[in-house]
């Protein structure tokens, strides 16, 4: 399946939340750090990671912190 998982037909879905959290932890980055840089509450970062909320600004901050493009983590974004 590669780095991004396929679900259903050819629809690409993003990284699962556990992969995002693990990647942040491996780099010593806390969700609180992302929140401060993005100017949002830490709970918003958590919601974005779980795909319960969409925020371009938070997605961009997460992707930057991981050294990736937003579309690498959230292909449909």
N, C-alpha and C. Protein backbone atom coordinates (compact mmCIF):
# COMPACT_ATOMS: atom_id res chain seq x y z
N UNK A 1 0.81 -1.20 0.00
CA UNK A 1 0.00 0.00 0.00
C UNK A 1 0.84 1.26 0.00
N UNK A 2 2.05 1.20 0.44
CA UNK A 2 2.88 2.40 0.44
C UNK A 2 2.65 3.24 1.67
N UNK A 3 3.15 4.46 1.62
CA UNK A 3 3.10 5.32 2.79
C UNK A 3 1.69 5.77 3.12
N UNK A 4 0.93 6.15 2.12
CA UNK A 4 -0.46 6.52 2.35
C UNK A 4 -1.31 5.27 2.11
N UNK A 5 -2.33 5.11 2.91
CA UNK A 5 -3.15 3.93 2.79
C UNK A 5 -4.30 4.18 1.84
N UNK A 6 -4.68 3.13 1.12
CA UNK A 6 -5.87 3.23 0.28
C UNK A 6 -7.04 2.66 1.05
N UNK A 7 -8.16 3.28 0.89
CA UNK A 7 -9.36 2.84 1.55
C UNK A 7 -10.46 2.80 0.50
N UNK A 8 -11.16 1.72 0.41
CA UNK A 8 -12.20 1.62 -0.59
C UNK A 8 -11.59 1.47 -1.96
N UNK A 9 -12.08 2.24 -2.93
CA UNK A 9 -11.57 2.19 -4.30
C UNK A 9 -10.18 2.74 -4.40
N UNK A 10 -10.02 3.83 -5.11
CA UNK A 10 -8.71 4.45 -5.26
C UNK A 10 -8.55 5.68 -4.38
N UNK A 11 -9.51 5.91 -3.49
CA UNK A 11 -9.47 7.09 -2.64
C UNK A 11 -8.30 6.98 -1.65
N UNK A 12 -7.47 8.02 -1.63
CA UNK A 12 -6.34 8.03 -0.72
C UNK A 12 -6.74 8.70 0.58
N UNK A 13 -6.35 8.09 1.67
CA UNK A 13 -6.59 8.68 2.98
C UNK A 13 -5.24 9.00 3.61
N UNK A 14 -5.26 9.89 4.55
CA UNK A 14 -4.01 10.33 5.16
C UNK A 14 -3.44 9.37 6.16
N UNK A 15 -2.38 9.84 6.80
CA UNK A 15 -1.74 9.05 7.83
C UNK A 15 -2.74 8.83 8.97
N UNK A 16 -2.72 7.68 9.58
CA UNK A 16 -3.58 7.49 10.77
C UNK A 16 -3.04 8.35 11.93
N UNK A 17 -3.92 8.73 12.84
CA UNK A 17 -3.49 9.59 13.95
C UNK A 17 -2.29 9.04 14.72
N UNK A 18 -2.26 7.75 14.94
CA UNK A 18 -1.15 7.17 15.71
C UNK A 18 0.19 7.38 15.01
N UNK A 19 0.19 7.37 13.67
CA UNK A 19 1.43 7.60 12.93
C UNK A 19 1.89 9.05 13.07
N UNK A 20 0.95 9.98 13.01
CA UNK A 20 1.29 11.40 13.17
C UNK A 20 1.84 11.65 14.56
N UNK A 21 1.13 11.12 15.58
CA UNK A 21 1.59 11.31 16.97
C UNK A 21 2.97 10.68 17.18
N UNK A 22 3.18 9.49 16.63
CA UNK A 22 4.47 8.80 16.78
C UNK A 22 5.58 9.60 16.10
N UNK A 23 5.31 10.12 14.92
CA UNK A 23 6.32 10.90 14.19
C UNK A 23 6.68 12.17 14.97
N UNK A 24 5.69 12.80 15.58
CA UNK A 24 5.96 13.99 16.39
C UNK A 24 6.79 13.62 17.62
N UNK A 25 6.40 12.52 18.29
CA UNK A 25 7.12 12.09 19.48
C UNK A 25 8.57 11.74 19.17
N UNK A 26 8.80 11.08 18.05
CA UNK A 26 10.17 10.71 17.67
C UNK A 26 11.05 11.94 17.48
N UNK A 27 10.43 13.05 17.12
CA UNK A 27 11.16 14.30 16.92
C UNK A 27 11.16 15.18 18.17
N UNK A 28 10.55 14.68 19.24
CA UNK A 28 10.50 15.45 20.48
C UNK A 28 9.58 16.65 20.41
N UNK A 29 8.58 16.57 19.53
CA UNK A 29 7.65 17.69 19.35
C UNK A 29 6.32 17.35 20.03
N UNK A 30 5.87 18.25 20.88
CA UNK A 30 4.59 18.06 21.57
C UNK A 30 3.47 18.76 20.80
N UNK A 31 2.27 18.28 20.95
CA UNK A 31 1.12 18.93 20.31
C UNK A 31 1.01 20.36 20.81
N UNK A 32 1.40 20.59 22.05
CA UNK A 32 1.38 21.93 22.63
C UNK A 32 2.32 22.86 21.84
N UNK A 33 3.47 22.32 21.40
CA UNK A 33 4.42 23.12 20.61
C UNK A 33 3.80 23.53 19.28
N UNK A 34 3.14 22.58 18.63
CA UNK A 34 2.46 22.86 17.36
C UNK A 34 1.39 23.93 17.57
N UNK A 35 0.63 23.77 18.66
CA UNK A 35 -0.46 24.71 18.97
C UNK A 35 0.08 26.13 19.14
N UNK A 36 1.17 26.27 19.87
CA UNK A 36 1.74 27.60 20.09
C UNK A 36 2.19 28.23 18.78
N UNK A 37 2.82 27.46 17.92
CA UNK A 37 3.28 27.99 16.64
C UNK A 37 2.12 28.36 15.72
N UNK A 38 1.03 27.59 15.82
CA UNK A 38 -0.12 27.84 14.95
C UNK A 38 -1.10 28.84 15.57
N UNK A 39 -0.88 29.19 16.83
CA UNK A 39 -1.76 30.15 17.49
C UNK A 39 -3.14 29.60 17.82
N UNK A 40 -3.17 28.31 18.19
CA UNK A 40 -4.44 27.66 18.55
C UNK A 40 -4.26 26.91 19.86
N UNK A 41 -5.36 26.43 20.41
CA UNK A 41 -5.30 25.61 21.62
C UNK A 41 -4.80 24.21 21.27
N UNK A 42 -4.16 23.56 22.23
CA UNK A 42 -3.64 22.21 22.01
C UNK A 42 -4.74 21.22 21.62
N UNK A 43 -5.94 21.43 22.14
CA UNK A 43 -7.03 20.51 21.80
C UNK A 43 -7.37 20.59 20.32
N UNK A 44 -7.16 21.74 19.69
CA UNK A 44 -7.42 21.88 18.26
C UNK A 44 -6.43 21.02 17.47
N UNK A 45 -5.18 21.00 17.90
CA UNK A 45 -4.18 20.17 17.23
C UNK A 45 -4.59 18.71 17.32
N UNK A 46 -5.02 18.29 18.49
CA UNK A 46 -5.48 16.91 18.68
C UNK A 46 -6.63 16.58 17.74
N UNK A 47 -7.59 17.48 17.63
CA UNK A 47 -8.74 17.26 16.75
C UNK A 47 -8.33 17.17 15.29
N UNK A 48 -7.37 17.99 14.89
CA UNK A 48 -6.87 17.96 13.51
C UNK A 48 -6.16 16.64 13.24
N UNK A 49 -5.34 16.20 14.19
CA UNK A 49 -4.63 14.93 14.03
C UNK A 49 -5.62 13.79 13.87
N UNK A 50 -6.72 13.83 14.61
CA UNK A 50 -7.74 12.77 14.54
C UNK A 50 -8.71 12.98 13.37
N UNK A 51 -8.49 14.02 12.57
CA UNK A 51 -9.36 14.37 11.44
C UNK A 51 -10.79 14.65 11.87
N UNK A 52 -10.95 15.14 13.10
CA UNK A 52 -12.26 15.55 13.57
C UNK A 52 -12.49 17.03 13.31
N UNK A 53 -11.43 17.73 12.94
CA UNK A 53 -11.51 19.15 12.59
C UNK A 53 -10.51 19.39 11.47
N UNK A 54 -10.85 20.30 10.57
CA UNK A 54 -9.95 20.65 9.48
C UNK A 54 -9.47 22.08 9.69
N UNK A 55 -8.16 22.23 9.72
CA UNK A 55 -7.55 23.55 9.84
C UNK A 55 -6.30 23.55 8.98
N UNK A 56 -6.32 24.33 7.91
CA UNK A 56 -5.15 24.39 7.03
C UNK A 56 -3.91 24.87 7.78
N UNK A 57 -4.12 25.84 8.65
CA UNK A 57 -2.99 26.39 9.41
C UNK A 57 -2.35 25.33 10.30
N UNK A 58 -3.18 24.55 11.00
CA UNK A 58 -2.65 23.51 11.89
C UNK A 58 -2.03 22.38 11.08
N UNK A 59 -2.69 21.99 10.00
CA UNK A 59 -2.11 20.95 9.14
C UNK A 59 -0.74 21.39 8.62
N UNK A 60 -0.63 22.63 8.22
CA UNK A 60 0.65 23.14 7.71
C UNK A 60 1.71 23.13 8.81
N UNK A 61 1.33 23.49 10.03
CA UNK A 61 2.28 23.49 11.15
C UNK A 61 2.76 22.08 11.47
N UNK A 62 1.85 21.12 11.42
CA UNK A 62 2.22 19.72 11.67
C UNK A 62 3.16 19.23 10.57
N UNK A 63 2.79 19.49 9.33
CA UNK A 63 3.61 19.06 8.21
C UNK A 63 5.01 19.67 8.28
N UNK A 64 5.08 20.97 8.58
CA UNK A 64 6.38 21.65 8.71
C UNK A 64 7.22 20.99 9.80
N UNK A 65 6.59 20.71 10.93
CA UNK A 65 7.30 20.10 12.05
C UNK A 65 7.86 18.72 11.69
N UNK A 66 7.16 18.04 10.79
CA UNK A 66 7.59 16.70 10.38
C UNK A 66 8.46 16.72 9.12
N UNK A 67 8.67 17.92 8.58
CA UNK A 67 9.49 18.02 7.37
C UNK A 67 8.82 17.41 6.15
N UNK A 68 7.49 17.48 6.12
CA UNK A 68 6.72 16.90 5.03
C UNK A 68 5.82 17.96 4.41
N UNK A 69 5.21 17.60 3.28
CA UNK A 69 4.17 18.44 2.68
C UNK A 69 2.83 18.03 3.29
N UNK A 70 1.92 18.98 3.36
CA UNK A 70 0.58 18.68 3.87
C UNK A 70 -0.02 17.51 3.09
N UNK A 71 0.17 17.51 1.78
CA UNK A 71 -0.42 16.46 0.93
C UNK A 71 0.21 15.09 1.17
N UNK A 72 1.39 15.04 1.79
CA UNK A 72 1.98 13.74 2.16
C UNK A 72 1.19 13.11 3.29
N UNK A 73 0.73 13.95 4.22
CA UNK A 73 0.03 13.46 5.42
C UNK A 73 -1.47 13.37 5.19
N UNK A 74 -2.02 14.35 4.50
CA UNK A 74 -3.45 14.40 4.18
C UNK A 74 -3.59 14.53 2.67
N UNK A 75 -3.54 13.43 1.92
CA UNK A 75 -3.55 13.50 0.44
C UNK A 75 -4.76 14.21 -0.17
N UNK A 76 -5.89 14.14 0.52
CA UNK A 76 -7.10 14.74 -0.03
C UNK A 76 -7.18 16.24 0.27
N UNK A 77 -6.20 16.75 1.03
CA UNK A 77 -6.24 18.17 1.43
C UNK A 77 -5.99 19.10 0.28
